[in-house]
């Protein structure tokens, strides 16, 4: 079994092209070289946190990708999926993220998928004993419970949309 499961290919060109005008949304984290723009959930109703988060609500290209993901969710992910936390993560050129393993109870229910937006060949994502560099637009499922690390040996920032999801029946149990 692989630690990187390619799920689908999504057109991320429009959103990737708009990233430069949205750099200010990325906030530093406690890990050097990692910046996050939180965009929350993907529900379609007006009470959706995604819509209430003003910078994300006004980001047309992000909304377009959101609509594509929600409209294709049943086809690209297992049936009965519910989305959790969603964010854009930027790893600076030359940055190394130390080994980490998600231990929060949240990950008893949720798993994770990574969708590269701004890609470069010098990035390695490591989960367990495997390393990969999924190409732009390739939605790839990973287990946040596995020890994981990342390194950006490229000369530009790497940006990925990170989607947490679970099966709805898991939410009820």
Foldseek 3Di string as FASTA:
>chain_A
DDQKAFQDFDDLQLVLVCVVVVVVQWDDDPAPQKTKRWQWFLDDDPVGSNCVPVVSVPRVSNVVRSVVCVVCVVVRDPPQKGWGTKMKMKGFAFGKFDKDADDDCVLVFKWKKKAWNDADPQKWKDFAHDIDGDDHRGIITGGSRTTIMMGHNDNGMTMIMMIIMGHNVSVVD
